[in-house]
Amino acid sequence: MTQQGQKLMTMLGVAVANLTKPDVVLPALKQLGARHAGYGVREAHYVTVGAALLWTLERGLGDSFTNELRQAWTAVYTLVADAMKTAAKEQQETQTSLANQASGLERNTA
């Protein structure tokens, strides 16, 4: 799990560094979200990870973790999670559509 935490922090760092350049960060987030759908990640997992991130920042930064900083990290994580969830949903819809098409072809050829 340590490796996953490091990957999360790296992606969040990229998102923060490119907040004014969504064309840079959004494609990477979408690819990541599509991959995570394949791993079985569900929407509820994003809520859990977001809560864990804020908890970790609060514990690590102590009094330095101000309400303003909490709001900023919440905004960044929300941007990341929303982009990933959207891509995951699109990936799942595509897979379902392809499966339905294949099923229809099988019935038509039988």
N, C-alpha and C. Protein backbone atom coordinates (compact mmCIF):
# COMPACT_ATOMS: atom_id res chain seq x y z
N MET A 1 0.81 -1.20 0.00
CA MET A 1 0.00 0.00 0.00
C MET A 1 0.86 1.27 0.00
N THR A 2 2.08 1.16 0.50
CA THR A 2 2.98 2.31 0.51
C THR A 2 3.23 2.81 -0.90
N GLN A 3 3.41 1.88 -1.83
CA GLN A 3 3.65 2.25 -3.23
C GLN A 3 2.44 3.00 -3.79
N GLN A 4 1.24 2.55 -3.48
CA GLN A 4 0.03 3.23 -3.95
C GLN A 4 -0.05 4.64 -3.37
N GLY A 5 0.31 4.80 -2.11
CA GLY A 5 0.32 6.12 -1.49
C GLY A 5 1.29 7.06 -2.18
N GLN A 6 2.45 6.54 -2.54
CA GLN A 6 3.44 7.34 -3.24
C GLN A 6 2.93 7.74 -4.62
N LYS A 7 2.27 6.81 -5.29
CA LYS A 7 1.71 7.12 -6.62
C LYS A 7 0.63 8.19 -6.50
N LEU A 8 -0.21 8.08 -5.47
CA LEU A 8 -1.26 9.09 -5.26
C LEU A 8 -0.63 10.46 -5.03
N MET A 9 0.38 10.52 -4.19
CA MET A 9 1.00 11.81 -3.90
C MET A 9 1.69 12.38 -5.14
N THR A 10 2.28 11.52 -5.95
CA THR A 10 2.89 11.99 -7.20
C THR A 10 1.84 12.58 -8.12
N MET A 11 0.72 11.87 -8.29
CA MET A 11 -0.35 12.37 -9.17
C MET A 11 -0.93 13.67 -8.63
N LEU A 12 -1.11 13.76 -7.31
CA LEU A 12 -1.62 15.00 -6.74
C LEU A 12 -0.62 16.14 -6.95
N GLY A 13 0.66 15.84 -6.85
CA GLY A 13 1.68 16.85 -7.10
C GLY A 13 1.63 17.36 -8.54
N VAL A 14 1.43 16.43 -9.48
CA VAL A 14 1.29 16.81 -10.89
C VAL A 14 0.05 17.67 -11.07
N ALA A 15 -1.04 17.29 -10.43
CA ALA A 15 -2.29 18.06 -10.54
C ALA A 15 -2.10 19.47 -9.99
N VAL A 16 -1.45 19.57 -8.83
CA VAL A 16 -1.23 20.89 -8.22
C VAL A 16 -0.34 21.74 -9.13
N ALA A 17 0.73 21.15 -9.64
CA ALA A 17 1.67 21.90 -10.49
C ALA A 17 1.03 22.37 -11.78
N ASN A 18 -0.03 21.69 -12.20
CA ASN A 18 -0.65 22.02 -13.49
C ASN A 18 -2.09 22.49 -13.36
N LEU A 19 -2.44 23.06 -12.22
CA LEU A 19 -3.82 23.51 -12.02
C LEU A 19 -4.27 24.50 -13.08
N THR A 20 -3.35 25.29 -13.58
CA THR A 20 -3.71 26.27 -14.60
C THR A 20 -3.56 25.70 -16.01
N LYS A 21 -3.21 24.41 -16.10
CA LYS A 21 -3.02 23.77 -17.40
C LYS A 21 -3.81 22.46 -17.45
N PRO A 22 -5.13 22.53 -17.45
CA PRO A 22 -5.92 21.29 -17.44
C PRO A 22 -5.66 20.40 -18.65
N ASP A 23 -5.24 20.99 -19.77
CA ASP A 23 -4.95 20.18 -20.95
C ASP A 23 -3.75 19.26 -20.73
N VAL A 24 -2.93 19.56 -19.75
CA VAL A 24 -1.78 18.72 -19.42
C VAL A 24 -2.19 17.59 -18.49
N VAL A 25 -2.95 17.92 -17.47
CA VAL A 25 -3.23 16.94 -16.42
C VAL A 25 -4.46 16.07 -16.70
N LEU A 26 -5.47 16.60 -17.34
CA LEU A 26 -6.71 15.83 -17.53
C LEU A 26 -6.54 14.56 -18.36
N PRO A 27 -5.78 14.59 -19.47
CA PRO A 27 -5.61 13.33 -20.21
C PRO A 27 -4.94 12.23 -19.36
N ALA A 28 -3.96 12.60 -18.57
CA ALA A 28 -3.30 11.62 -17.70
C ALA A 28 -4.26 11.08 -16.66
N LEU A 29 -5.08 11.95 -16.10
CA LEU A 29 -6.06 11.52 -15.10
C LEU A 29 -7.10 10.60 -15.71
N LYS A 30 -7.51 10.90 -16.93
CA LYS A 30 -8.49 10.05 -17.59
C LYS A 30 -7.93 8.65 -17.86
N GLN A 31 -6.68 8.59 -18.29
CA GLN A 31 -6.04 7.29 -18.52
C GLN A 31 -5.95 6.51 -17.20
N LEU A 32 -5.58 7.22 -16.16
CA LEU A 32 -5.46 6.60 -14.84
C LEU A 32 -6.81 6.08 -14.36
N GLY A 33 -7.86 6.87 -14.56
CA GLY A 33 -9.20 6.45 -14.15
C GLY A 33 -9.67 5.23 -14.91
N ALA A 34 -9.39 5.18 -16.20
CA ALA A 34 -9.79 4.02 -17.01
C ALA A 34 -9.06 2.77 -16.53
N ARG A 35 -7.77 2.91 -16.22
CA ARG A 35 -7.01 1.76 -15.70
C ARG A 35 -7.56 1.31 -14.36
N HIS A 36 -7.89 2.25 -13.50
CA HIS A 36 -8.41 1.91 -12.17
C HIS A 36 -9.76 1.19 -12.26
N ALA A 37 -10.54 1.52 -13.26
CA ALA A 37 -11.81 0.80 -13.45
C ALA A 37 -11.52 -0.68 -13.70
N GLY A 38 -10.49 -0.94 -14.45
CA GLY A 38 -10.08 -2.32 -14.73
C GLY A 38 -9.57 -3.05 -13.49
N TYR A 39 -9.09 -2.29 -12.51
CA TYR A 39 -8.60 -2.89 -11.26
C TYR A 39 -9.74 -3.17 -10.28
N GLY A 40 -10.94 -2.72 -10.64
CA GLY A 40 -12.07 -2.92 -9.74
C GLY A 40 -12.33 -1.77 -8.78
N VAL A 41 -11.68 -0.64 -9.01
CA VAL A 41 -11.90 0.53 -8.15
C VAL A 41 -13.32 1.05 -8.39
N ARG A 42 -14.03 1.31 -7.32
CA ARG A 42 -15.40 1.80 -7.38
C ARG A 42 -15.46 3.23 -6.86
N GLU A 43 -16.56 3.90 -7.13
CA GLU A 43 -16.72 5.30 -6.75
C GLU A 43 -16.53 5.51 -5.24
N ALA A 44 -17.02 4.59 -4.44
CA ALA A 44 -16.88 4.72 -2.99
C ALA A 44 -15.42 4.72 -2.55
N HIS A 45 -14.56 4.08 -3.31
CA HIS A 45 -13.14 4.06 -2.96
C HIS A 45 -12.53 5.45 -3.02
N TYR A 46 -13.01 6.27 -3.94
CA TYR A 46 -12.48 7.63 -4.05
C TYR A 46 -12.81 8.45 -2.80
N VAL A 47 -13.97 8.23 -2.24
CA VAL A 47 -14.37 8.93 -1.01
C VAL A 47 -13.43 8.52 0.13
N THR A 48 -13.18 7.23 0.23
CA THR A 48 -12.30 6.71 1.28
C THR A 48 -10.89 7.27 1.15
N VAL A 49 -10.37 7.28 -0.07
CA VAL A 49 -9.01 7.79 -0.30
C VAL A 49 -8.94 9.29 0.00
N GLY A 50 -9.96 10.03 -0.40
CA GLY A 50 -9.99 11.46 -0.11
C GLY A 50 -9.99 11.74 1.38
N ALA A 51 -10.79 11.00 2.12
CA ALA A 51 -10.84 11.17 3.57
C ALA A 51 -9.49 10.80 4.21
N ALA A 52 -8.88 9.72 3.71
CA ALA A 52 -7.58 9.31 4.24
C ALA A 52 -6.50 10.35 3.93
N LEU A 53 -6.57 10.93 2.75
CA LEU A 53 -5.61 11.97 2.38
C LEU A 53 -5.71 13.16 3.33
N LEU A 54 -6.93 13.65 3.54
CA LEU A 54 -7.12 14.80 4.43
C LEU A 54 -6.70 14.47 5.86
N TRP A 55 -7.02 13.28 6.32
CA TRP A 55 -6.64 12.85 7.67
C TRP A 55 -5.12 12.85 7.80
N THR A 56 -4.44 12.30 6.79
CA THR A 56 -2.98 12.21 6.81
C THR A 56 -2.35 13.60 6.80
N LEU A 57 -2.87 14.48 5.97
CA LEU A 57 -2.35 15.85 5.92
C LEU A 57 -2.56 16.56 7.25
N GLU A 58 -3.74 16.38 7.83
CA GLU A 58 -4.04 17.02 9.11
C GLU A 58 -3.09 16.51 10.20
N ARG A 59 -2.87 15.21 10.24
CA ARG A 59 -1.98 14.64 11.26
C ARG A 59 -0.53 15.06 11.01
N GLY A 60 -0.14 15.07 9.76
CA GLY A 60 1.24 15.39 9.43
C GLY A 60 1.59 16.86 9.60
N LEU A 61 0.64 17.73 9.28
CA LEU A 61 0.91 19.17 9.31
C LEU A 61 0.48 19.83 10.61
N GLY A 62 -0.35 19.16 11.37
CA GLY A 62 -0.80 19.71 12.66
C GLY A 62 -1.49 21.05 12.48
N ASP A 63 -1.07 22.02 13.29
CA ASP A 63 -1.70 23.35 13.26
C ASP A 63 -1.48 24.07 11.93
N SER A 64 -0.50 23.64 11.16
CA SER A 64 -0.25 24.27 9.86
C SER A 64 -1.31 23.90 8.82
N PHE A 65 -2.08 22.86 9.14
CA PHE A 65 -3.15 22.44 8.22
C PHE A 65 -4.39 23.28 8.50
N THR A 66 -4.39 24.46 7.91
CA THR A 66 -5.46 25.43 8.13
C THR A 66 -6.71 25.05 7.34
N ASN A 67 -7.79 25.71 7.63
CA ASN A 67 -9.03 25.48 6.88
C ASN A 67 -8.83 25.83 5.40
N GLU A 68 -8.08 26.88 5.13
CA GLU A 68 -7.79 27.26 3.74
C GLU A 68 -7.02 26.16 3.02
N LEU A 69 -6.04 25.58 3.70
CA LEU A 69 -5.26 24.50 3.12
C LEU A 69 -6.13 23.26 2.92
N ARG A 70 -7.00 22.97 3.87
CA ARG A 70 -7.93 21.84 3.73
C ARG A 70 -8.82 22.04 2.50
N GLN A 71 -9.33 23.25 2.32
CA GLN A 71 -10.19 23.53 1.17
C GLN A 71 -9.41 23.39 -0.14
N ALA A 72 -8.17 23.84 -0.15
CA ALA A 72 -7.35 23.74 -1.36
C ALA A 72 -7.08 22.28 -1.71
N TRP A 73 -6.70 21.47 -0.72
CA TRP A 73 -6.44 20.05 -0.98
C TRP A 73 -7.72 19.32 -1.37
N THR A 74 -8.82 19.70 -0.77
CA THR A 74 -10.11 19.10 -1.12
C THR A 74 -10.44 19.41 -2.58
N ALA A 75 -10.20 20.64 -2.99
CA ALA A 75 -10.47 21.04 -4.38
C ALA A 75 -9.60 20.26 -5.36
N VAL A 76 -8.31 20.12 -5.04
CA VAL A 76 -7.41 19.39 -5.93
C VAL A 76 -7.81 17.92 -6.00
N TYR A 77 -8.06 17.32 -4.84
CA TYR A 77 -8.43 15.91 -4.86
C TYR A 77 -9.76 15.70 -5.58
N THR A 78 -10.68 16.61 -5.41
CA THR A 78 -11.97 16.50 -6.10
C THR A 78 -11.78 16.56 -7.61
N LEU A 79 -10.92 17.45 -8.08
CA LEU A 79 -10.61 17.55 -9.51
C LEU A 79 -10.04 16.23 -10.02
N VAL A 80 -9.08 15.68 -9.28
CA VAL A 80 -8.44 14.42 -9.67
C VAL A 80 -9.47 13.30 -9.67
N ALA A 81 -10.20 13.16 -8.58
CA ALA A 81 -11.16 12.06 -8.44
C ALA A 81 -12.28 12.16 -9.47
N ASP A 82 -12.80 13.36 -9.71
CA ASP A 82 -13.88 13.53 -10.68
C ASP A 82 -13.43 13.14 -12.09
N ALA A 83 -12.23 13.56 -12.47
CA ALA A 83 -11.71 13.21 -13.80
C ALA A 83 -11.54 11.70 -13.92
N MET A 84 -11.02 11.08 -12.89
CA MET A 84 -10.81 9.64 -12.91
C MET A 84 -12.13 8.88 -12.92
N LYS A 85 -13.10 9.33 -12.12
CA LYS A 85 -14.40 8.66 -12.07
C LYS A 85 -15.13 8.78 -13.40
N THR A 86 -15.04 9.94 -14.04
CA THR A 86 -15.67 10.13 -15.34
C THR A 86 -15.07 9.17 -16.37
N ALA A 87 -13.76 9.08 -16.39
CA ALA A 87 -13.10 8.18 -17.33
C ALA A 87 -13.43 6.72 -17.03
N ALA A 88 -13.51 6.37 -15.76
CA ALA A 88 -13.86 5.00 -15.38
C ALA A 88 -15.26 4.66 -15.84
N LYS A 89 -16.17 5.60 -15.67
CA LYS A 89 -17.55 5.38 -16.11
C LYS A 89 -17.61 5.20 -17.62
N GLU A 90 -16.89 6.05 -18.34
CA GLU A 90 -16.85 5.94 -19.81
C GLU A 90 -16.26 4.59 -20.23
N GLN A 91 -15.21 4.15 -19.53
CA GLN A 91 -14.59 2.86 -19.83
C GLN A 91 -15.59 1.72 -19.61
N GLN A 92 -16.31 1.77 -18.51
CA GLN A 92 -17.28 0.73 -18.20
C GLN A 92 -18.42 0.73 -19.21
N GLU A 93 -18.88 1.91 -19.61
CA GLU A 93 -19.95 2.01 -20.60
C GLU A 93 -19.50 1.44 -21.95
N THR A 94 -18.26 1.72 -22.32
CA THR A 94 -17.71 1.20 -23.56
C THR A 94 -17.64 -0.32 -23.52
N GLN A 95 -17.15 -0.85 -22.41
CA GLN A 95 -17.06 -2.31 -22.26
C GLN A 95 -18.44 -2.96 -22.31
N THR A 96 -19.42 -2.35 -21.66
CA THR A 96 -20.78 -2.88 -21.66
C THR A 96 -21.35 -2.85 -23.07
N SER A 97 -21.13 -1.75 -23.78
CA SER A 97 -21.63 -1.62 -25.15
C SER A 97 -21.00 -2.67 -26.06
N LEU A 98 -19.70 -2.86 -25.93
CA LEU A 98 -19.01 -3.86 -26.74
C LEU A 98 -19.50 -5.27 -26.42
N ALA A 99 -19.72 -5.53 -25.14
CA ALA A 99 -20.23 -6.85 -24.75
C ALA A 99 -21.63 -7.07 -25.30
N ASN A 100 -22.46 -6.04 -25.26
CA ASN A 100 -23.81 -6.14 -25.81
C ASN A 100 -23.79 -6.36 -27.32
N GLN A 101 -22.89 -5.66 -28.00
CA GLN A 101 -22.76 -5.84 -29.45
C GLN A 101 -22.31 -7.26 -29.78
N ALA A 102 -21.34 -7.75 -29.03
CA ALA A 102 -20.84 -9.10 -29.27
C ALA A 102 -21.92 -10.13 -29.00
N SER A 103 -22.70 -9.90 -27.97
CA SER A 103 -23.80 -10.81 -27.64
C SER A 103 -24.84 -10.81 -28.75
N GLY A 104 -25.13 -9.63 -29.28
CA GLY A 104 -26.08 -9.51 -30.37
C GLY A 104 -25.59 -10.22 -31.63
N LEU A 105 -24.29 -10.10 -31.90
CA LEU A 105 -23.72 -10.78 -33.07
C LEU A 105 -23.79 -12.29 -32.91
N GLU A 106 -23.55 -12.77 -31.70
CA GLU A 106 -23.60 -14.21 -31.45
C GLU A 106 -25.02 -14.73 -31.69
N ARG A 107 -26.02 -13.98 -31.24
CA ARG A 107 -27.41 -14.41 -31.43
C ARG A 107 -27.81 -14.39 -32.90
N ASN A 108 -27.32 -13.39 -33.62
CA ASN A 108 -27.66 -13.26 -35.02
C ASN A 108 -27.01 -14.33 -35.90
N THR A 109 -25.89 -14.85 -35.47
CA THR A 109 -25.19 -15.85 -36.26
C THR A 109 -25.60 -17.28 -35.87
N ALA A 110 -26.33 -17.41 -34.78
CA ALA A 110 -26.74 -18.75 -34.31
C ALA A 110 -27.95 -19.26 -35.04
